[in-house]
Amino acid sequence: MNALKRKKASLLSEIFGVPFWVFAAISLVMGVLTWQLRGPATVEAAVMGDIDLFLFLVPRMLGGMLIAGLVQVVLPPEVVAKWVGAESGFRGLLIATVVGALTPGGPMTSFPIVVAFYMSGADRGALVAYITAWSLIGFQRFMIWELPLLGPEVALYRVLSVFWMPVLAGFIARRLTIWTAPPPSEEGTR
């Protein structure tokens, strides 16, 4: 029972840690300034806009977290470490690049997947290659936006000019020595 209480206390301290209070203080100061400079109607409009944004983001965040959880269950850590771990070499960077380029959706999808890969044993080079490919190449964006709006020539030139960057970014990330220890797993806290 004490372990459960410690886990809940730890979760609460993470949620309501220093970053939360910094953002809360900044929000409060900005709210008071807005009230003073623009009046209560502007503050009310801002709060209503924030509520709308929150309601817009919550389903997407839950979907992204569900995908990340499924990735962790479907892909055991041994498989992730083999294909995109520290010993995967150039092949791991290519795999991460292809998966990143094929990942549909916005940050609500891709970042939870990055966290799931990280927690499952992917190395920093593969994670950087994945997120760089997602942001630079993005097959979904290419098919839906670039080809129809820019035409095949410009869209192809754009992709050809950046397709090598995720692998290079992953290679650089593997060579850098600045890296923090991974967060403790749930098994390690029990």
N, C-alpha and C. Protein backbone atom coordinates (compact mmCIF):
# COMPACT_ATOMS: atom_id res chain seq x y z
N MET A 1 0.82 -1.20 0.00
CA MET A 1 0.00 0.00 0.00
C MET A 1 0.86 1.25 0.00
N ASN A 2 1.98 1.23 0.75
CA ASN A 2 2.87 2.39 0.79
C ASN A 2 3.47 2.67 -0.57
N ALA A 3 3.76 1.62 -1.34
CA ALA A 3 4.32 1.81 -2.69
C ALA A 3 3.31 2.54 -3.58
N LEU A 4 2.02 2.21 -3.44
CA LEU A 4 0.99 2.87 -4.22
C LEU A 4 0.88 4.34 -3.83
N LYS A 5 0.94 4.62 -2.54
CA LYS A 5 0.90 6.02 -2.08
C LYS A 5 2.11 6.79 -2.59
N ARG A 6 3.29 6.17 -2.57
CA ARG A 6 4.49 6.84 -3.08
C ARG A 6 4.37 7.10 -4.57
N LYS A 7 3.81 6.13 -5.30
CA LYS A 7 3.65 6.30 -6.73
C LYS A 7 2.69 7.44 -7.04
N LYS A 8 1.57 7.52 -6.30
CA LYS A 8 0.62 8.62 -6.49
C LYS A 8 1.25 9.95 -6.12
N ALA A 9 2.01 9.99 -5.03
CA ALA A 9 2.68 11.23 -4.62
C ALA A 9 3.71 11.64 -5.66
N SER A 10 4.42 10.68 -6.22
CA SER A 10 5.42 10.96 -7.24
C SER A 10 4.75 11.52 -8.49
N LEU A 11 3.63 10.93 -8.89
CA LEU A 11 2.90 11.41 -10.06
C LEU A 11 2.40 12.83 -9.83
N LEU A 12 1.84 13.07 -8.64
CA LEU A 12 1.37 14.42 -8.33
C LEU A 12 2.52 15.43 -8.31
N SER A 13 3.67 15.03 -7.78
CA SER A 13 4.80 15.95 -7.76
C SER A 13 5.33 16.21 -9.16
N GLU A 14 5.21 15.25 -10.07
CA GLU A 14 5.59 15.48 -11.46
C GLU A 14 4.61 16.41 -12.15
N ILE A 15 3.31 16.19 -11.93
CA ILE A 15 2.29 17.03 -12.56
C ILE A 15 2.36 18.45 -12.04
N PHE A 16 2.46 18.58 -10.72
CA PHE A 16 2.47 19.91 -10.10
C PHE A 16 3.87 20.31 -9.67
N GLY A 17 4.84 20.03 -10.52
CA GLY A 17 6.23 20.40 -10.24
C GLY A 17 6.49 21.85 -10.61
N VAL A 18 7.74 22.20 -10.63
CA VAL A 18 8.17 23.58 -10.90
C VAL A 18 7.63 24.11 -12.23
N PRO A 19 7.70 23.35 -13.35
CA PRO A 19 7.18 23.90 -14.60
C PRO A 19 5.70 24.30 -14.52
N PHE A 20 4.90 23.49 -13.82
CA PHE A 20 3.49 23.82 -13.68
C PHE A 20 3.32 25.17 -12.99
N TRP A 21 4.04 25.37 -11.88
CA TRP A 21 3.89 26.60 -11.11
C TRP A 21 4.45 27.81 -11.85
N VAL A 22 5.49 27.60 -12.65
CA VAL A 22 6.01 28.71 -13.47
C VAL A 22 4.96 29.14 -14.48
N PHE A 23 4.38 28.16 -15.19
CA PHE A 23 3.34 28.49 -16.16
C PHE A 23 2.11 29.10 -15.49
N ALA A 24 1.74 28.59 -14.33
CA ALA A 24 0.60 29.14 -13.61
C ALA A 24 0.86 30.59 -13.21
N ALA A 25 2.05 30.88 -12.72
CA ALA A 25 2.39 32.26 -12.32
C ALA A 25 2.40 33.19 -13.53
N ILE A 26 2.99 32.74 -14.63
CA ILE A 26 3.00 33.57 -15.85
C ILE A 26 1.57 33.80 -16.33
N SER A 27 0.75 32.77 -16.32
CA SER A 27 -0.65 32.90 -16.75
C SER A 27 -1.40 33.89 -15.86
N LEU A 28 -1.19 33.79 -14.57
CA LEU A 28 -1.85 34.70 -13.64
C LEU A 28 -1.43 36.15 -13.89
N VAL A 29 -0.14 36.38 -14.04
CA VAL A 29 0.36 37.73 -14.30
C VAL A 29 -0.21 38.26 -15.62
N MET A 30 -0.20 37.43 -16.66
CA MET A 30 -0.74 37.86 -17.95
C MET A 30 -2.25 38.10 -17.87
N GLY A 31 -2.96 37.28 -17.08
CA GLY A 31 -4.39 37.49 -16.91
C GLY A 31 -4.68 38.81 -16.21
N VAL A 32 -3.92 39.12 -15.17
CA VAL A 32 -4.11 40.40 -14.46
C VAL A 32 -3.79 41.57 -15.38
N LEU A 33 -2.69 41.46 -16.15
CA LEU A 33 -2.33 42.54 -17.08
C LEU A 33 -3.41 42.73 -18.15
N THR A 34 -3.91 41.62 -18.68
CA THR A 34 -4.97 41.71 -19.69
C THR A 34 -6.22 42.33 -19.09
N TRP A 35 -6.57 41.95 -17.87
CA TRP A 35 -7.73 42.52 -17.18
C TRP A 35 -7.56 44.04 -17.05
N GLN A 36 -6.36 44.46 -16.64
CA GLN A 36 -6.10 45.88 -16.44
C GLN A 36 -6.09 46.66 -17.75
N LEU A 37 -5.48 46.09 -18.79
CA LEU A 37 -5.30 46.81 -20.05
C LEU A 37 -6.50 46.71 -20.99
N ARG A 38 -7.18 45.56 -20.98
CA ARG A 38 -8.25 45.32 -21.96
C ARG A 38 -9.62 45.07 -21.35
N GLY A 39 -9.65 44.82 -20.06
CA GLY A 39 -10.93 44.64 -19.39
C GLY A 39 -11.33 43.18 -19.22
N PRO A 40 -12.35 42.95 -18.39
CA PRO A 40 -12.78 41.57 -18.08
C PRO A 40 -13.35 40.82 -19.28
N ALA A 41 -13.96 41.52 -20.23
CA ALA A 41 -14.53 40.82 -21.39
C ALA A 41 -13.43 40.14 -22.20
N THR A 42 -12.28 40.77 -22.31
CA THR A 42 -11.16 40.18 -23.05
C THR A 42 -10.62 38.96 -22.32
N VAL A 43 -10.54 39.03 -20.99
CA VAL A 43 -10.08 37.88 -20.21
C VAL A 43 -11.07 36.73 -20.37
N GLU A 44 -12.36 37.03 -20.32
CA GLU A 44 -13.37 35.99 -20.50
C GLU A 44 -13.27 35.36 -21.88
N ALA A 45 -13.07 36.17 -22.91
CA ALA A 45 -12.92 35.63 -24.27
C ALA A 45 -11.68 34.75 -24.37
N ALA A 46 -10.59 35.16 -23.71
CA ALA A 46 -9.36 34.36 -23.73
C ALA A 46 -9.57 33.02 -23.02
N VAL A 47 -10.24 33.04 -21.88
CA VAL A 47 -10.49 31.80 -21.13
C VAL A 47 -11.39 30.88 -21.95
N MET A 48 -12.40 31.42 -22.60
CA MET A 48 -13.29 30.60 -23.43
C MET A 48 -12.51 30.00 -24.61
N GLY A 49 -11.61 30.78 -25.20
CA GLY A 49 -10.75 30.26 -26.27
C GLY A 49 -9.85 29.14 -25.76
N ASP A 50 -9.34 29.30 -24.53
CA ASP A 50 -8.50 28.26 -23.94
C ASP A 50 -9.29 26.98 -23.70
N ILE A 51 -10.52 27.12 -23.25
CA ILE A 51 -11.37 25.94 -23.03
C ILE A 51 -11.64 25.24 -24.36
N ASP A 52 -11.93 26.01 -25.41
CA ASP A 52 -12.15 25.42 -26.74
C ASP A 52 -10.90 24.67 -27.21
N LEU A 53 -9.73 25.28 -27.02
CA LEU A 53 -8.47 24.65 -27.42
C LEU A 53 -8.24 23.37 -26.64
N PHE A 54 -8.51 23.40 -25.34
CA PHE A 54 -8.36 22.22 -24.49
C PHE A 54 -9.26 21.10 -24.99
N LEU A 55 -10.53 21.42 -25.26
CA LEU A 55 -11.46 20.40 -25.73
C LEU A 55 -11.07 19.87 -27.11
N PHE A 56 -10.42 20.69 -27.94
CA PHE A 56 -9.94 20.26 -29.24
C PHE A 56 -8.75 19.31 -29.10
N LEU A 57 -7.85 19.62 -28.16
CA LEU A 57 -6.62 18.85 -28.02
C LEU A 57 -6.76 17.54 -27.27
N VAL A 58 -7.65 17.47 -26.29
CA VAL A 58 -7.74 16.28 -25.43
C VAL A 58 -7.97 14.99 -26.23
N PRO A 59 -8.94 14.93 -27.15
CA PRO A 59 -9.11 13.66 -27.89
C PRO A 59 -7.87 13.29 -28.70
N ARG A 60 -7.19 14.29 -29.26
CA ARG A 60 -6.00 14.01 -30.06
C ARG A 60 -4.86 13.50 -29.16
N MET A 61 -4.72 14.10 -28.00
CA MET A 61 -3.69 13.66 -27.07
C MET A 61 -3.97 12.24 -26.59
N LEU A 62 -5.22 11.95 -26.28
CA LEU A 62 -5.58 10.60 -25.85
C LEU A 62 -5.32 9.58 -26.95
N GLY A 63 -5.64 9.95 -28.19
CA GLY A 63 -5.37 9.06 -29.32
C GLY A 63 -3.88 8.81 -29.49
N GLY A 64 -3.09 9.87 -29.39
CA GLY A 64 -1.64 9.71 -29.50
C GLY A 64 -1.07 8.85 -28.40
N MET A 65 -1.57 9.04 -27.17
CA MET A 65 -1.09 8.22 -26.06
C MET A 65 -1.52 6.77 -26.22
N LEU A 66 -2.72 6.55 -26.76
CA LEU A 66 -3.18 5.18 -27.01
C LEU A 66 -2.28 4.51 -28.04
N ILE A 67 -1.95 5.23 -29.11
CA ILE A 67 -1.05 4.68 -30.12
C ILE A 67 0.30 4.35 -29.50
N ALA A 68 0.83 5.28 -28.68
CA ALA A 68 2.13 5.05 -28.04
C ALA A 68 2.08 3.82 -27.13
N GLY A 69 1.00 3.68 -26.37
CA GLY A 69 0.86 2.51 -25.50
C GLY A 69 0.80 1.22 -26.30
N LEU A 70 0.09 1.25 -27.41
CA LEU A 70 0.01 0.06 -28.26
C LEU A 70 1.36 -0.27 -28.89
N VAL A 71 2.11 0.77 -29.27
CA VAL A 71 3.44 0.54 -29.83
C VAL A 71 4.31 -0.18 -28.81
N GLN A 72 4.25 0.25 -27.55
CA GLN A 72 5.06 -0.38 -26.51
C GLN A 72 4.65 -1.82 -26.27
N VAL A 73 3.37 -2.14 -26.41
CA VAL A 73 2.90 -3.50 -26.17
C VAL A 73 3.19 -4.40 -27.37
N VAL A 74 2.98 -3.87 -28.56
CA VAL A 74 3.16 -4.67 -29.77
C VAL A 74 4.64 -4.91 -30.07
N LEU A 75 5.47 -3.91 -29.84
CA LEU A 75 6.90 -4.04 -30.12
C LEU A 75 7.67 -4.22 -28.82
N PRO A 76 8.07 -5.45 -28.50
CA PRO A 76 8.82 -5.67 -27.27
C PRO A 76 10.16 -4.93 -27.31
N PRO A 77 10.69 -4.55 -26.14
CA PRO A 77 11.95 -3.81 -26.09
C PRO A 77 13.10 -4.49 -26.83
N GLU A 78 13.13 -5.82 -26.83
CA GLU A 78 14.21 -6.53 -27.53
C GLU A 78 14.17 -6.25 -29.02
N VAL A 79 12.96 -6.21 -29.58
CA VAL A 79 12.80 -5.96 -31.02
C VAL A 79 13.19 -4.51 -31.34
N VAL A 80 12.71 -3.58 -30.52
CA VAL A 80 13.04 -2.17 -30.74
C VAL A 80 14.54 -1.96 -30.63
N ALA A 81 15.16 -2.54 -29.61
CA ALA A 81 16.62 -2.39 -29.43
C ALA A 81 17.38 -3.00 -30.61
N LYS A 82 16.90 -4.11 -31.12
CA LYS A 82 17.59 -4.76 -32.24
C LYS A 82 17.53 -3.89 -33.50
N TRP A 83 16.35 -3.33 -33.79
CA TRP A 83 16.16 -2.62 -35.06
C TRP A 83 16.54 -1.15 -35.00
N VAL A 84 16.33 -0.49 -33.87
CA VAL A 84 16.65 0.95 -33.79
C VAL A 84 17.39 1.32 -32.50
N GLY A 85 18.03 0.34 -31.89
CA GLY A 85 18.80 0.59 -30.68
C GLY A 85 20.20 1.09 -30.99
N ALA A 86 21.00 1.20 -29.96
CA ALA A 86 22.35 1.75 -30.10
C ALA A 86 23.23 0.92 -31.03
N GLU A 87 22.99 -0.38 -31.10
CA GLU A 87 23.83 -1.25 -31.93
C GLU A 87 23.25 -1.47 -33.33
N SER A 88 22.19 -0.77 -33.70
CA SER A 88 21.54 -0.99 -34.99
C SER A 88 22.28 -0.35 -36.15
N GLY A 89 23.19 0.57 -35.86
CA GLY A 89 24.01 1.19 -36.91
C GLY A 89 23.21 2.01 -37.90
N PHE A 90 23.72 2.05 -39.11
CA PHE A 90 23.11 2.84 -40.18
C PHE A 90 21.70 2.34 -40.49
N ARG A 91 21.52 1.01 -40.42
CA ARG A 91 20.21 0.40 -40.68
C ARG A 91 19.15 0.97 -39.74
N GLY A 92 19.49 1.15 -38.46
CA GLY A 92 18.54 1.70 -37.50
C GLY A 92 18.14 3.12 -37.83
N LEU A 93 19.10 3.90 -38.31
CA LEU A 93 18.78 5.28 -38.71
C LEU A 93 17.86 5.29 -39.92
N LEU A 94 18.09 4.39 -40.87
CA LEU A 94 17.22 4.31 -42.05
C LEU A 94 15.81 3.87 -41.67
N ILE A 95 15.72 2.87 -40.80
CA ILE A 95 14.40 2.39 -40.37
C ILE A 95 13.65 3.52 -39.66
N ALA A 96 14.31 4.21 -38.74
CA ALA A 96 13.67 5.32 -38.03
C ALA A 96 13.24 6.41 -39.00
N THR A 97 14.06 6.67 -40.02
CA THR A 97 13.72 7.68 -41.02
C THR A 97 12.47 7.29 -41.79
N VAL A 98 12.41 6.05 -42.23
CA VAL A 98 11.24 5.59 -43.00
C VAL A 98 9.98 5.61 -42.14
N VAL A 99 10.09 5.11 -40.90
CA VAL A 99 8.92 5.10 -40.01
C VAL A 99 8.47 6.53 -39.71
N GLY A 100 9.42 7.42 -39.46
CA GLY A 100 9.08 8.82 -39.20
C GLY A 100 8.40 9.47 -40.39
N ALA A 101 8.92 9.21 -41.59
CA ALA A 101 8.33 9.79 -42.80
C ALA A 101 6.92 9.26 -43.05
N LEU A 102 6.67 8.03 -42.65
CA LEU A 102 5.35 7.41 -42.90
C LEU A 102 4.34 7.66 -41.77
N THR A 103 4.78 8.22 -40.65
CA THR A 103 3.87 8.46 -39.54
C THR A 103 2.90 9.59 -39.89
N PRO A 104 1.61 9.30 -39.91
CA PRO A 104 0.64 10.35 -40.24
C PRO A 104 0.33 11.21 -39.02
N GLY A 105 -0.26 12.33 -39.27
CA GLY A 105 -0.75 13.18 -38.19
C GLY A 105 0.27 14.18 -37.71
N GLY A 106 -0.15 14.91 -36.71
CA GLY A 106 0.67 15.98 -36.16
C GLY A 106 1.44 15.53 -34.94
N PRO A 107 1.88 16.50 -34.14
CA PRO A 107 2.68 16.20 -32.97
C PRO A 107 1.95 15.35 -31.94
N MET A 108 0.62 15.40 -31.94
CA MET A 108 -0.14 14.59 -30.98
C MET A 108 -0.01 13.11 -31.27
N THR A 109 0.39 12.77 -32.48
CA THR A 109 0.63 11.37 -32.84
C THR A 109 2.11 11.03 -32.73
N SER A 110 2.94 11.86 -33.33
CA SER A 110 4.36 11.52 -33.46
C SER A 110 5.13 11.58 -32.15
N PHE A 111 4.89 12.57 -31.31
CA PHE A 111 5.68 12.68 -30.09
C PHE A 111 5.38 11.57 -29.08
N PRO A 112 4.13 11.16 -28.89
CA PRO A 112 3.93 9.98 -28.02
C PRO A 112 4.59 8.72 -28.58
N ILE A 113 4.67 8.60 -29.91
CA ILE A 113 5.35 7.45 -30.49
C ILE A 113 6.85 7.54 -30.20
N VAL A 114 7.43 8.74 -30.29
CA VAL A 114 8.84 8.91 -29.95
C VAL A 114 9.09 8.49 -28.51
N VAL A 115 8.21 8.90 -27.60
CA VAL A 115 8.36 8.53 -26.20
C VAL A 115 8.25 7.01 -26.04
N ALA A 116 7.32 6.40 -26.74
CA ALA A 116 7.16 4.93 -26.66
C ALA A 116 8.42 4.23 -27.17
N PHE A 117 8.97 4.69 -28.28
CA PHE A 117 10.21 4.11 -28.79
C PHE A 117 11.35 4.30 -27.79
N TYR A 118 11.42 5.48 -27.21
CA TYR A 118 12.46 5.79 -26.22
C TYR A 118 12.36 4.84 -25.03
N MET A 119 11.15 4.67 -24.51
CA MET A 119 10.94 3.81 -23.35
C MET A 119 11.17 2.33 -23.70
N SER A 120 11.09 2.00 -24.99
CA SER A 120 11.28 0.61 -25.41
C SER A 120 12.71 0.29 -25.82
N GLY A 121 13.60 1.28 -25.80
CA GLY A 121 15.01 0.99 -26.05
C GLY A 121 15.61 1.57 -27.31
N ALA A 122 14.88 2.42 -28.04
CA ALA A 122 15.48 3.08 -29.20
C ALA A 122 16.55 4.06 -28.72
N ASP A 123 17.61 4.19 -29.48
CA ASP A 123 18.67 5.11 -29.07
C ASP A 123 18.39 6.53 -29.57
N ARG A 124 19.15 7.48 -29.07
CA ARG A 124 18.91 8.88 -29.39
C ARG A 124 19.06 9.18 -30.87
N GLY A 125 19.97 8.48 -31.56
CA GLY A 125 20.13 8.71 -32.99
C GLY A 125 18.87 8.34 -33.77
N ALA A 126 18.29 7.20 -33.43
CA ALA A 126 17.06 6.76 -34.10
C ALA A 126 15.90 7.70 -33.77
N LEU A 127 15.84 8.15 -32.53
CA LEU A 127 14.76 9.07 -32.14
C LEU A 127 14.87 10.39 -32.90
N VAL A 128 16.09 10.89 -33.02
CA VAL A 128 16.29 12.15 -33.76
C VAL A 128 16.00 11.94 -35.24
N ALA A 129 16.42 10.81 -35.81
CA ALA A 129 16.12 10.52 -37.21
C ALA A 129 14.61 10.42 -37.43
N TYR A 130 13.91 9.76 -36.51
CA TYR A 130 12.46 9.62 -36.63
C TYR A 130 11.76 10.98 -36.66
N ILE A 131 12.06 11.80 -35.65
CA ILE A 131 11.34 13.07 -35.53
C ILE A 131 11.75 14.04 -36.65
N THR A 132 13.00 13.95 -37.10
CA THR A 132 13.44 14.80 -38.21
C THR A 132 12.75 14.36 -39.50
N ALA A 133 12.64 13.06 -39.73
CA ALA A 133 11.94 12.58 -40.93
C ALA A 133 10.47 12.94 -40.88
N TRP A 134 9.86 12.81 -39.71
CA TRP A 134 8.45 13.17 -39.58
C TRP A 134 8.24 14.64 -39.93
N SER A 135 9.14 15.50 -39.45
CA SER A 135 8.93 16.93 -39.67
C SER A 135 9.39 17.39 -41.05
N LEU A 136 10.39 16.76 -41.64
CA LEU A 136 10.91 17.24 -42.92
C LEU A 136 10.33 16.52 -44.14
N ILE A 137 10.11 15.22 -44.01
CA ILE A 137 9.69 14.46 -45.19
C ILE A 137 8.19 14.27 -45.21
N GLY A 138 7.62 13.74 -44.16
CA GLY A 138 6.18 13.57 -43.99
C GLY A 138 5.43 13.16 -45.24
N PHE A 139 5.32 11.86 -45.48
CA PHE A 139 4.64 11.34 -46.67
C PHE A 139 3.21 11.85 -46.77
N GLN A 140 2.50 11.92 -45.64
CA GLN A 140 1.12 12.40 -45.66
C GLN A 140 1.05 13.84 -46.17
N ARG A 141 1.92 14.69 -45.66
CA ARG A 141 1.95 16.09 -46.11
C ARG A 141 2.30 16.17 -47.59
N PHE A 142 3.24 15.34 -48.02
CA PHE A 142 3.66 15.31 -49.41
C PHE A 142 2.48 14.97 -50.32
N MET A 143 1.74 13.93 -49.97
CA MET A 143 0.63 13.47 -50.81
C MET A 143 -0.58 14.40 -50.77
N ILE A 144 -0.91 14.90 -49.58
CA ILE A 144 -2.14 15.67 -49.43
C ILE A 144 -1.96 17.14 -49.78
N TRP A 145 -0.82 17.71 -49.44
CA TRP A 145 -0.64 19.15 -49.61
C TRP A 145 0.33 19.52 -50.73
N GLU A 146 1.50 18.95 -50.71
CA GLU A 146 2.54 19.43 -51.61
C GLU A 146 2.29 19.05 -53.07
N LEU A 147 2.01 17.79 -53.35
CA LEU A 147 1.75 17.39 -54.74
C LEU A 147 0.60 18.17 -55.36
N PRO A 148 -0.58 18.22 -54.70
CA PRO A 148 -1.68 18.94 -55.33
C PRO A 148 -1.47 20.45 -55.43
N LEU A 149 -0.86 21.05 -54.41
CA LEU A 149 -0.75 22.51 -54.39
C LEU A 149 0.51 23.04 -55.07
N LEU A 150 1.61 22.33 -54.93
CA LEU A 150 2.88 22.82 -55.49
C LEU A 150 3.21 22.18 -56.83
N GLY A 151 2.59 21.05 -57.09
CA GLY A 151 2.91 20.33 -58.31
C GLY A 151 4.04 19.34 -58.08
N PRO A 152 4.15 18.36 -58.96
CA PRO A 152 5.14 17.31 -58.75
C PRO A 152 6.58 17.80 -58.78
N GLU A 153 6.89 18.76 -59.62
CA GLU A 153 8.29 19.20 -59.73
C GLU A 153 8.78 19.84 -58.43
N VAL A 154 8.06 20.83 -57.92
CA VAL A 154 8.49 21.51 -56.70
C VAL A 154 8.44 20.55 -55.51
N ALA A 155 7.40 19.73 -55.42
CA ALA A 155 7.28 18.79 -54.31
C ALA A 155 8.44 17.80 -54.32
N LEU A 156 8.79 17.29 -55.48
CA LEU A 156 9.89 16.34 -55.58
C LEU A 156 11.23 17.01 -55.24
N TYR A 157 11.46 18.21 -55.72
CA TYR A 157 12.70 18.93 -55.39
C TYR A 157 12.80 19.16 -53.89
N ARG A 158 11.69 19.49 -53.27
CA ARG A 158 11.72 19.73 -51.83
C ARG A 158 12.11 18.46 -51.08
N VAL A 159 11.51 17.34 -51.43
CA VAL A 159 11.82 16.09 -50.76
C VAL A 159 13.26 15.66 -51.06
N LEU A 160 13.70 15.80 -52.29
CA LEU A 160 15.07 15.42 -52.65
C LEU A 160 16.10 16.28 -51.92
N SER A 161 15.74 17.51 -51.60
CA SER A 161 16.70 18.39 -50.92
C SER A 161 16.83 18.07 -49.44
N VAL A 162 15.89 17.34 -48.85
CA VAL A 162 15.95 17.08 -47.41
C VAL A 162 15.93 15.60 -47.02
N PHE A 163 15.77 14.68 -47.96
CA PHE A 163 15.59 13.28 -47.59
C PHE A 163 16.78 12.70 -46.84
N TRP A 164 17.96 13.23 -47.02
CA TRP A 164 19.17 12.73 -46.36
C TRP A 164 19.36 13.30 -44.95
N MET A 165 18.65 14.37 -44.62
CA MET A 165 18.86 15.06 -43.34
C MET A 165 18.51 14.23 -42.11
N PRO A 166 17.45 13.44 -42.09
CA PRO A 166 17.17 12.65 -40.88
C PRO A 166 18.30 11.70 -40.51
N VAL A 167 18.87 11.04 -41.50
CA VAL A 167 19.97 10.11 -41.22
C VAL A 167 21.18 10.88 -40.69
N LEU A 168 21.49 12.02 -41.30
CA LEU A 168 22.60 12.84 -40.83
C LEU A 168 22.35 13.34 -39.41
N ALA A 169 21.14 13.80 -39.14
CA ALA A 169 20.80 14.28 -37.79
C ALA A 169 20.92 13.14 -36.78
N GLY A 170 20.46 11.95 -37.13
CA GLY A 170 20.58 10.79 -36.24
C GLY A 170 22.03 10.42 -36.01
N PHE A 171 22.84 10.47 -37.06
CA PHE A 171 24.27 10.17 -36.93
C PHE A 171 24.94 11.17 -35.98
N ILE A 172 24.63 12.46 -36.14
CA ILE A 172 25.20 13.49 -35.27
C ILE A 172 24.75 13.26 -33.82
N ALA A 173 23.47 12.96 -33.64
CA ALA A 173 22.94 12.73 -32.28
C ALA A 173 23.65 11.55 -31.61
N ARG A 174 23.98 10.53 -32.37
CA ARG A 174 24.69 9.39 -31.79
C ARG A 174 26.11 9.75 -31.37
N ARG A 175 26.70 10.71 -32.05
CA ARG A 175 28.09 11.09 -31.76
C ARG A 175 28.19 12.11 -30.62
N LEU A 176 27.12 12.83 -30.34
CA LEU A 176 27.17 13.82 -29.26
C LEU A 176 27.18 13.11 -27.91
N THR A 177 27.87 13.70 -26.96
CA THR A 177 27.97 13.05 -25.65
C THR A 177 27.00 13.63 -24.64
N ILE A 178 26.23 14.62 -25.01
CA ILE A 178 25.27 15.19 -24.05
C ILE A 178 24.00 14.35 -24.07
N TRP A 179 23.77 13.62 -23.02
CA TRP A 179 22.61 12.73 -22.95
C TRP A 179 22.30 12.47 -21.49
N THR A 180 21.04 12.54 -21.15
CA THR A 180 20.64 12.27 -19.77
C THR A 180 20.22 10.82 -19.65
N ALA A 181 20.21 10.35 -18.45
CA ALA A 181 19.78 8.98 -18.20
C ALA A 181 18.29 8.87 -18.47
N PRO A 182 17.83 7.71 -18.96
CA PRO A 182 16.40 7.54 -19.22
C PRO A 182 15.62 7.57 -17.91
N PRO A 183 14.35 7.98 -17.99
CA PRO A 183 13.54 7.97 -16.77
C PRO A 183 13.38 6.55 -16.26
N PRO A 184 13.22 6.37 -14.95
CA PRO A 184 13.08 5.03 -14.41
C PRO A 184 11.81 4.37 -14.91
N SER A 185 11.91 3.09 -15.20
CA SER A 185 10.72 2.36 -15.65
C SER A 185 9.87 2.03 -14.44
N GLU A 186 8.64 1.60 -14.71
CA GLU A 186 7.73 1.26 -13.62
C GLU A 186 8.27 0.08 -12.82
N GLU A 187 8.94 -0.88 -13.50
CA GLU A 187 9.47 -2.02 -12.79
C GLU A 187 10.57 -1.60 -11.83
N GLY A 188 11.34 -0.56 -12.22
CA GLY A 188 12.44 -0.11 -11.39
C GLY A 188 11.99 0.65 -10.16
N THR A 189 10.76 1.13 -10.13
CA THR A 189 10.26 1.91 -9.00
C THR A 189 9.51 1.06 -7.99
N ARG A 190 9.31 -0.18 -8.29
CA ARG A 190 8.53 -1.05 -7.39
C ARG A 190 9.41 -1.64 -6.33
